[in-house]
Amino acid sequence: MINLTLFISRLQTFGRLDYAGDFDGFWKWKVGVESRNEHILDDNHRAEAYRRLCSILPRWLTYRGAVGINWRRVLEDSLARISEAYDQTRRYNLLQFSEVPNEHLKLIWHELGRVKEENGLINQGGWYSIVAVTKPLMFLWGQTLAFDSIVRTYAPRTCNVPQFTRWSFEKWRNVMESFQEGLRQQAEDVGLFIEVSREKYQTDSIVPYGHFLDLYYWVEGKERQQPVANL
């Protein structure tokens, strides 16, 4: 699924970006909390998760174009609503994606998706801005790619990633299962991701497979668009 040498190079390239520390800082905090049989959306930590996301997500252009939408208020409410579903979902990683109960994922999908909807209302058709769901979920869970326009362009064709910006839950789930299957067939990729997680986050019990894949394809896209030195 990836070239191992290129992954290390792209990891280093990504690490030179001003906002690269956003994910690492959030993930180290998450690992610290969740190693104590607690979780980052429980009553004791949800306010801190919300504060961190409100600082990070605008820099990651998550709600770009959301004119007149009070996404912060809706996000705060949505994080509370998905607390229990998140607690169950966080126990699975990308290699186990197809085993995640559908009701938990669907609740998370609708609650994060509605943050960018007018008046914060659930879209009954279930079609949302993909990055409105996946960028915060990549920070919270680590197993989904963020699927911005660059990643959608350079992701493997075998994963059937749509180029349009609004996805249904079923489309996202199908794409994620394609990434799951691809990763399951690449033991060396999994081993490298575990090794990098140990080095960066001092744990192999929570490995952000989705984030690692996302940065791999994102940096590939940026390298094709401009010289590496300008990233």
C-alpha atoms as a PDB file:
ATOM      1  CA  MET A   1       0.000   0.000   0.000  1.00  0.00           C
ATOM      2  CA  ILE A   2       2.968   2.321   0.630  1.00  0.00           C
ATOM      3  CA  ASN A   3       6.665   2.491  -0.147  1.00  0.00           C
ATOM      4  CA  LEU A   4       8.391   2.131   3.230  1.00  0.00           C
ATOM      5  CA  THR A   5      11.384   4.305   2.350  1.00  0.00           C
ATOM      6  CA  LEU A   6       9.131   7.006   0.964  1.00  0.00           C
ATOM      7  CA  PHE A   7       6.985   6.877   4.091  1.00  0.00           C
ATOM      8  CA  ILE A   8       9.964   7.714   6.325  1.00  0.00           C
ATOM      9  CA  SER A   9      10.955  10.533   3.976  1.00  0.00           C
ATOM     10  CA  ARG A  10       7.411  11.913   3.863  1.00  0.00           C
ATOM     11  CA  LEU A  11       7.054  11.619   7.619  1.00  0.00           C
ATOM     12  CA  GLN A  12      10.145  13.814   7.954  1.00  0.00           C
ATOM     13  CA  THR A  13       8.825  16.259   5.350  1.00  0.00           C
ATOM     14  CA  PHE A  14       5.487  16.531   7.143  1.00  0.00           C
ATOM     15  CA  GLY A  15       7.314  17.058  10.438  1.00  0.00           C
ATOM     16  CA  ARG A  16       8.877  20.266   9.115  1.00  0.00           C
ATOM     17  CA  LEU A  17       5.515  21.957   8.653  1.00  0.00           C
ATOM     18  CA  ASP A  18       4.426  24.570  11.193  1.00  0.00           C
ATOM     19  CA  TYR A  19       1.207  22.747  12.050  1.00  0.00           C
ATOM     20  CA  ALA A  20       2.645  19.216  11.977  1.00  0.00           C
ATOM     21  CA  GLY A  21       2.898  19.267  15.759  1.00  0.00           C
ATOM     22  CA  ASP A  22      -0.885  19.604  16.040  1.00  0.00           C
ATOM     23  CA  PHE A  23      -1.483  15.913  15.570  1.00  0.00           C
ATOM     24  CA  ASP A  24       1.500  14.764  17.623  1.00  0.00           C
ATOM     25  CA  GLY A  25       0.546  16.986  20.547  1.00  0.00           C
ATOM     26  CA  PHE A  26      -3.072  15.853  20.471  1.00  0.00           C
ATOM     27  CA  TRP A  27      -2.140  12.189  20.104  1.00  0.00           C
ATOM     28  CA  LYS A  28       0.369  12.220  22.962  1.00  0.00           C
ATOM     29  CA  TRP A  29      -2.299  13.775  25.175  1.00  0.00           C
ATOM     30  CA  LYS A  30      -4.826  11.136  24.053  1.00  0.00           C
ATOM     31  CA  VAL A  31      -2.394   8.277  24.711  1.00  0.00           C
ATOM     32  CA  GLY A  32      -1.693   9.633  28.183  1.00  0.00           C
ATOM     33  CA  VAL A  33      -5.388   9.862  29.048  1.00  0.00           C
ATOM     34  CA  GLU A  34      -6.446   6.560  27.543  1.00  0.00           C
ATOM     35  CA  SER A  35      -3.632   4.566  29.115  1.00  0.00           C
ATOM     36  CA  ARG A  36      -5.392   5.182  32.464  1.00  0.00           C
ATOM     37  CA  ASN A  37      -8.669   3.432  31.583  1.00  0.00           C
ATOM     38  CA  GLU A  38     -10.255   6.810  30.805  1.00  0.00           C
ATOM     39  CA  HIS A  39     -10.997   8.391  27.468  1.00  0.00           C
ATOM     40  CA  ILE A  40     -10.747  11.857  25.966  1.00  0.00           C
ATOM     41  CA  LEU A  41     -14.503  12.349  25.536  1.00  0.00           C
ATOM     42  CA  ASP A  42     -15.498  11.314  29.037  1.00  0.00           C
ATOM     43  CA  ASP A  43     -16.873  13.919  31.418  1.00  0.00           C
ATOM     44  CA  ASN A  44     -13.426  14.668  32.848  1.00  0.00           C
ATOM     45  CA  HIS A  45     -11.622  15.265  29.550  1.00  0.00           C
ATOM     46  CA  ARG A  46     -14.192  16.323  26.939  1.00  0.00           C
ATOM     47  CA  ALA A  47     -13.759  20.045  27.597  1.00  0.00           C
ATOM     48  CA  GLU A  48     -10.022  19.742  26.982  1.00  0.00           C
ATOM     49  CA  ALA A  49     -10.606  17.733  23.795  1.00  0.00           C
ATOM     50  CA  TYR A  50     -13.001  20.429  22.615  1.00  0.00           C
ATOM     51  CA  ARG A  51     -10.536  23.206  23.433  1.00  0.00           C
ATOM     52  CA  ARG A  52      -7.736  21.475  21.556  1.00  0.00           C
ATOM     53  CA  LEU A  53      -9.899  20.750  18.504  1.00  0.00           C
ATOM     54  CA  CYS A  54     -11.143  24.348  18.363  1.00  0.00           C
ATOM     55  CA  SER A  55      -7.523  25.468  18.194  1.00  0.00           C
ATOM     56  CA  ILE A  56      -6.466  22.894  15.603  1.00  0.00           C
ATOM     57  CA  LEU A  57      -9.362  22.419  13.184  1.00  0.00           C
ATOM     58  CA  PRO A  58      -9.401  25.956  11.715  1.00  0.00           C
ATOM     59  CA  ARG A  59      -5.701  25.605  10.842  1.00  0.00           C
ATOM     60  CA  TRP A  60      -6.550  22.330   9.102  1.00  0.00           C
ATOM     61  CA  LEU A  61      -9.279  24.118   7.069  1.00  0.00           C
ATOM     62  CA  THR A  62     -11.930  21.744   8.396  1.00  0.00           C
ATOM     63  CA  TYR A  63     -14.796  24.220   8.246  1.00  0.00           C
ATOM     64  CA  ARG A  64     -13.614  26.339   5.337  1.00  0.00           C
ATOM     65  CA  GLY A  65     -16.601  27.916   3.628  1.00  0.00           C
ATOM     66  CA  ALA A  66     -18.885  27.450   6.631  1.00  0.00           C
ATOM     67  CA  VAL A  67     -20.078  31.057   6.524  1.00  0.00           C
ATOM     68  CA  GLY A  68     -22.579  31.966   9.214  1.00  0.00           C
ATOM     69  CA  ILE A  69     -22.326  28.565  10.876  1.00  0.00           C
ATOM     70  CA  ASN A  70     -21.515  28.455  14.588  1.00  0.00           C
ATOM     71  CA  TRP A  71     -19.517  25.265  14.277  1.00  0.00           C
ATOM     72  CA  ARG A  72     -17.903  25.607  17.704  1.00  0.00           C
ATOM     73  CA  ARG A  73     -21.244  25.445  19.489  1.00  0.00           C
ATOM     74  CA  VAL A  74     -22.408  22.469  17.437  1.00  0.00           C
ATOM     75  CA  LEU A  75     -19.072  20.661  17.835  1.00  0.00           C
ATOM     76  CA  GLU A  76     -19.230  21.006  21.608  1.00  0.00           C
ATOM     77  CA  ASP A  77     -22.699  19.475  21.625  1.00  0.00           C
ATOM     78  CA  SER A  78     -21.738  16.718  19.196  1.00  0.00           C
ATOM     79  CA  LEU A  79     -18.710  15.655  21.229  1.00  0.00           C
ATOM     80  CA  ALA A  80     -20.977  15.131  24.222  1.00  0.00           C
ATOM     81  CA  ARG A  81     -23.446  13.137  22.133  1.00  0.00           C
ATOM     82  CA  ILE A  82     -20.808  10.767  20.723  1.00  0.00           C
ATOM     83  CA  SER A  83     -18.997  10.118  24.018  1.00  0.00           C
ATOM     84  CA  GLU A  84     -20.325   6.598  24.527  1.00  0.00           C
ATOM     85  CA  ALA A  85     -20.085   5.629  20.854  1.00  0.00           C
ATOM     86  CA  TYR A  86     -16.530   6.932  20.764  1.00  0.00           C
ATOM     87  CA  ASP A  87     -15.639   4.897  23.861  1.00  0.00           C
ATOM     88  CA  GLN A  88     -16.701   1.747  22.023  1.00  0.00           C
ATOM     89  CA  THR A  89     -15.205   2.687  18.646  1.00  0.00           C
ATOM     90  CA  ARG A  90     -11.791   3.655  20.020  1.00  0.00           C
ATOM     91  CA  ARG A  91     -11.196   0.020  20.972  1.00  0.00           C
ATOM     92  CA  TYR A  92     -10.855  -0.889  17.283  1.00  0.00           C
ATOM     93  CA  ASN A  93      -8.126   0.100  14.849  1.00  0.00           C
ATOM     94  CA  LEU A  94      -8.111   0.304  11.056  1.00  0.00           C
ATOM     95  CA  LEU A  95      -7.193  -3.375  10.748  1.00  0.00           C
ATOM     96  CA  GLN A  96     -10.424  -4.154  12.603  1.00  0.00           C
ATOM     97  CA  PHE A  97     -12.602  -1.514  10.934  1.00  0.00           C
ATOM     98  CA  SER A  98     -15.226  -3.915   9.574  1.00  0.00           C
ATOM     99  CA  GLU A  99     -15.842  -5.152  13.137  1.00  0.00           C
ATOM    100  CA  VAL A 100     -16.867  -1.734  14.507  1.00  0.00           C
ATOM    101  CA  PRO A 101     -20.607  -1.785  15.291  1.00  0.00           C
ATOM    102  CA  ASN A 102     -22.450   0.154  12.624  1.00  0.00           C
ATOM    103  CA  GLU A 103     -24.654   2.019  15.107  1.00  0.00           C
ATOM    104  CA  HIS A 104     -21.611   3.599  16.778  1.00  0.00           C
ATOM    105  CA  LEU A 105     -20.030   4.697  13.516  1.00  0.00           C
ATOM    106  CA  LYS A 106     -23.306   6.046  12.153  1.00  0.00           C
ATOM    107  CA  LEU A 107     -23.905   8.153  15.246  1.00  0.00           C
ATOM    108  CA  ILE A 108     -20.397   9.596  15.016  1.00  0.00           C
ATOM    109  CA  TRP A 109     -20.865  10.207  11.267  1.00  0.00           C
ATOM    110  CA  HIS A 110     -24.060  12.209  11.709  1.00  0.00           C
ATOM    111  CA  GLU A 111     -22.905  14.135  14.760  1.00  0.00           C
ATOM    112  CA  LEU A 112     -19.599  15.273  13.263  1.00  0.00           C
ATOM    113  CA  GLY A 113     -21.132  15.799   9.836  1.00  0.00           C
ATOM    114  CA  ARG A 114     -23.832  18.141  11.107  1.00  0.00           C
ATOM    115  CA  VAL A 115     -21.230  20.508  12.565  1.00  0.00           C
ATOM    116  CA  LYS A 116     -20.821  22.055   9.108  1.00  0.00           C
ATOM    117  CA  GLU A 117     -24.525  21.897   8.195  1.00  0.00           C
ATOM    118  CA  GLU A 118     -26.802  24.920   8.304  1.00  0.00           C
ATOM    119  CA  ASN A 119     -28.243  25.299  11.826  1.00  0.00           C
ATOM    120  CA  GLY A 120     -26.282  22.208  12.871  1.00  0.00           C
ATOM    121  CA  LEU A 121     -29.049  19.907  11.670  1.00  0.00           C
ATOM    122  CA  ILE A 122     -28.613  16.255  10.803  1.00  0.00           C
ATOM    123  CA  ASN A 123     -28.887  15.605   7.085  1.00  0.00           C
ATOM    124  CA  GLN A 124     -31.495  12.884   6.784  1.00  0.00           C
ATOM    125  CA  GLY A 125     -29.866  11.644   3.602  1.00  0.00           C
ATOM    126  CA  GLY A 126     -26.607  11.227   5.477  1.00  0.00           C
ATOM    127  CA  TRP A 127     -24.513  13.201   2.949  1.00  0.00           C
ATOM    128  CA  TYR A 128     -21.956  15.487   4.606  1.00  0.00           C
ATOM    129  CA  SER A 129     -18.716  17.291   3.863  1.00  0.00           C
ATOM    130  CA  ILE A 130     -16.252  14.434   4.200  1.00  0.00           C
ATOM    131  CA  VAL A 131     -13.594  16.542   5.924  1.00  0.00           C
ATOM    132  CA  ALA A 132     -16.127  17.812   8.475  1.00  0.00           C
ATOM    133  CA  VAL A 133     -16.377  14.216   9.677  1.00  0.00           C
ATOM    134  CA  THR A 134     -12.926  12.834   9.075  1.00  0.00           C
ATOM    135  CA  LYS A 135     -10.576  15.612  10.168  1.00  0.00           C
ATOM    136  CA  PRO A 136     -11.821  15.753  13.778  1.00  0.00           C
ATOM    137  CA  LEU A 137     -12.250  11.976  13.797  1.00  0.00           C
ATOM    138  CA  MET A 138      -8.657  11.495  12.643  1.00  0.00           C
ATOM    139  CA  PHE A 139      -7.528  13.401  15.735  1.00  0.00           C
ATOM    140  CA  LEU A 140      -9.948  11.657  18.067  1.00  0.00           C
ATOM    141  CA  TRP A 141      -9.561   8.115  16.782  1.00  0.00           C
ATOM    142  CA  GLY A 142      -6.597   8.101  14.400  1.00  0.00           C
ATOM    143  CA  GLN A 143      -7.940   5.343  12.145  1.00  0.00           C
ATOM    144  CA  THR A 144      -9.596   7.292   9.334  1.00  0.00           C
ATOM    145  CA  LEU A 145      -7.772   9.313   6.721  1.00  0.00           C
ATOM    146  CA  ALA A 146      -8.851  12.955   6.540  1.00  0.00           C
ATOM    147  CA  PHE A 147      -9.632  12.704   2.805  1.00  0.00           C
ATOM    148  CA  ASP A 148      -9.011  16.310   1.821  1.00  0.00           C
ATOM    149  CA  SER A 149      -8.811  17.075  -1.907  1.00  0.00           C
ATOM    150  CA  ILE A 150      -5.105  16.180  -2.124  1.00  0.00           C
ATOM    151  CA  VAL A 151      -5.514  12.807  -0.418  1.00  0.00           C
ATOM    152  CA  ARG A 152      -8.612  12.049  -2.483  1.00  0.00           C
ATOM    153  CA  THR A 153      -6.531  12.658  -5.612  1.00  0.00           C
ATOM    154  CA  TYR A 154      -3.474  10.605  -4.666  1.00  0.00           C
ATOM    155  CA  ALA A 155      -5.009   7.747  -2.671  1.00  0.00           C
ATOM    156  CA  PRO A 156      -4.734   4.308  -4.358  1.00  0.00           C
ATOM    157  CA  ARG A 157      -7.261   3.763  -7.125  1.00  0.00           C
ATOM    158  CA  THR A 158      -7.966   0.321  -5.699  1.00  0.00           C
ATOM    159  CA  CYS A 159      -9.620   2.006  -2.705  1.00  0.00           C
ATOM    160  CA  ASN A 160     -12.197   3.717  -4.949  1.00  0.00           C
ATOM    161  CA  VAL A 161     -11.940   7.092  -3.189  1.00  0.00           C
ATOM    162  CA  PRO A 162     -14.538   9.541  -4.595  1.00  0.00           C
ATOM    163  CA  GLN A 163     -13.328  12.946  -5.748  1.00  0.00           C
ATOM    164  CA  PHE A 164     -16.464  14.792  -4.648  1.00  0.00           C
ATOM    165  CA  THR A 165     -16.629  16.596  -1.307  1.00  0.00           C
ATOM    166  CA  ARG A 166     -19.891  15.242   0.141  1.00  0.00           C
ATOM    167  CA  TRP A 167     -20.028  11.556   0.957  1.00  0.00           C
ATOM    168  CA  SER A 168     -22.623   9.227   2.374  1.00  0.00           C
ATOM    169  CA  PHE A 169     -21.895   7.035   5.384  1.00  0.00           C
ATOM    170  CA  GLU A 170     -22.019   3.944   3.185  1.00  0.00           C
ATOM    171  CA  LYS A 171     -19.450   5.392   0.773  1.00  0.00           C
ATOM    172  CA  TRP A 172     -17.055   6.259   3.604  1.00  0.00           C
ATOM    173  CA  ARG A 173     -17.467   2.817   5.162  1.00  0.00           C
ATOM    174  CA  ASN A 174     -16.775   1.087   1.841  1.00  0.00           C
ATOM    175  CA  VAL A 175     -13.653   3.181   1.244  1.00  0.00           C
ATOM    176  CA  MET A 176     -12.397   2.503   4.753  1.00  0.00           C
ATOM    177  CA  GLU A 177     -12.923  -1.227   4.320  1.00  0.00           C
ATOM    178  CA  SER A 178     -10.814  -1.030   1.148  1.00  0.00           C
ATOM    179  CA  PHE A 179      -7.996   0.599   3.124  1.00  0.00           C
ATOM    180  CA  GLN A 180      -8.428  -2.022   5.833  1.00  0.00           C
ATOM    181  CA  GLU A 181      -8.077  -4.844   3.330  1.00  0.00           C
ATOM    182  CA  GLY A 182      -5.046  -3.237   1.702  1.00  0.00           C
ATOM    183  CA  LEU A 183      -3.301  -2.727   5.017  1.00  0.00           C
ATOM    184  CA  ARG A 184      -4.056  -6.275   6.158  1.00  0.00           C
ATOM    185  CA  GLN A 185      -2.153  -7.548   3.133  1.00  0.00           C
ATOM    186  CA  GLN A 186       0.927  -5.447   3.920  1.00  0.00           C
ATOM    187  CA  ALA A 187       2.532  -6.780   7.094  1.00  0.00           C
ATOM    188  CA  GLU A 188       5.641  -4.646   6.532  1.00  0.00           C
ATOM    189  CA  ASP A 189       3.554  -1.474   6.422  1.00  0.00           C
ATOM    190  CA  VAL A 190       1.833  -2.420   9.670  1.00  0.00           C
ATOM    191  CA  GLY A 191       5.165  -3.223  11.293  1.00  0.00           C
ATOM    192  CA  LEU A 192       6.624   0.147  10.289  1.00  0.00           C
ATOM    193  CA  PHE A 193       3.589   2.044  11.571  1.00  0.00           C
ATOM    194  CA  ILE A 194       3.865   0.220  14.906  1.00  0.00           C
ATOM    195  CA  GLU A 195       7.571   1.051  15.102  1.00  0.00           C
ATOM    196  CA  VAL A 196       6.962   4.735  14.336  1.00  0.00           C
ATOM    197  CA  SER A 197       4.181   4.848  16.937  1.00  0.00           C
ATOM    198  CA  ARG A 198       6.520   3.420  19.566  1.00  0.00           C
ATOM    199  CA  GLU A 199       9.138   6.042  18.718  1.00  0.00           C
ATOM    200  CA  LYS A 200       6.832   9.056  18.496  1.00  0.00           C
ATOM    201  CA  TYR A 201       4.158   8.224  21.078  1.00  0.00           C
ATOM    202  CA  GLN A 202       5.832   5.578  23.273  1.00  0.00           C
ATOM    203  CA  THR A 203       3.073   3.056  22.623  1.00  0.00           C
ATOM    204  CA  ASP A 204       2.072   0.368  20.165  1.00  0.00           C
ATOM    205  CA  SER A 205      -1.321  -0.208  21.750  1.00  0.00           C
ATOM    206  CA  ILE A 206      -2.875   2.811  19.984  1.00  0.00           C
ATOM    207  CA  VAL A 207      -1.433   3.229  16.489  1.00  0.00           C
ATOM    208  CA  PRO A 208      -2.873   6.013  14.277  1.00  0.00           C
ATOM    209  CA  TYR A 209      -2.910   4.002  11.060  1.00  0.00           C
ATOM    210  CA  GLY A 210      -5.288   6.399   9.324  1.00  0.00           C
ATOM    211  CA  HIS A 211      -3.164   9.441  10.102  1.00  0.00           C
ATOM    212  CA  PHE A 212       0.004   7.765   8.841  1.00  0.00           C
ATOM    213  CA  LEU A 213      -1.672   6.835   5.554  1.00  0.00           C
ATOM    214  CA  ASP A 214      -3.178  10.304   5.246  1.00  0.00           C
ATOM    215  CA  LEU A 215       0.138  12.117   5.596  1.00  0.00           C
ATOM    216  CA  TYR A 216       1.775   9.692   3.152  1.00  0.00           C
ATOM    217  CA  TYR A 217      -0.652  10.518   0.342  1.00  0.00           C
ATOM    218  CA  TRP A 218      -0.952  14.190   1.324  1.00  0.00           C
ATOM    219  CA  VAL A 219       2.813  14.765   1.150  1.00  0.00           C
ATOM    220  CA  GLU A 220       2.936  12.863  -2.132  1.00  0.00           C
ATOM    221  CA  GLY A 221       0.431  15.313  -3.554  1.00  0.00           C
ATOM    222  CA  LYS A 222       2.297  18.344  -2.242  1.00  0.00           C
ATOM    223  CA  GLU A 223       5.597  17.014  -3.621  1.00  0.00           C
ATOM    224  CA  ARG A 224       4.060  16.693  -7.046  1.00  0.00           C
ATOM    225  CA  GLN A 225       2.638  20.216  -6.856  1.00  0.00           C
ATOM    226  CA  GLN A 226       5.731  22.030  -5.568  1.00  0.00           C
ATOM    227  CA  PRO A 227       9.354  21.405  -4.558  1.00  0.00           C
ATOM    228  CA  VAL A 228       9.775  19.621  -1.213  1.00  0.00           C
ATOM    229  CA  ALA A 229      11.835  22.506   0.137  1.00  0.00           C
ATOM    230  CA  ASN A 230       8.785  24.760  -0.094  1.00  0.00           C
ATOM    231  CA  LEU A 231       6.500  22.486   1.921  1.00  0.00           C
END
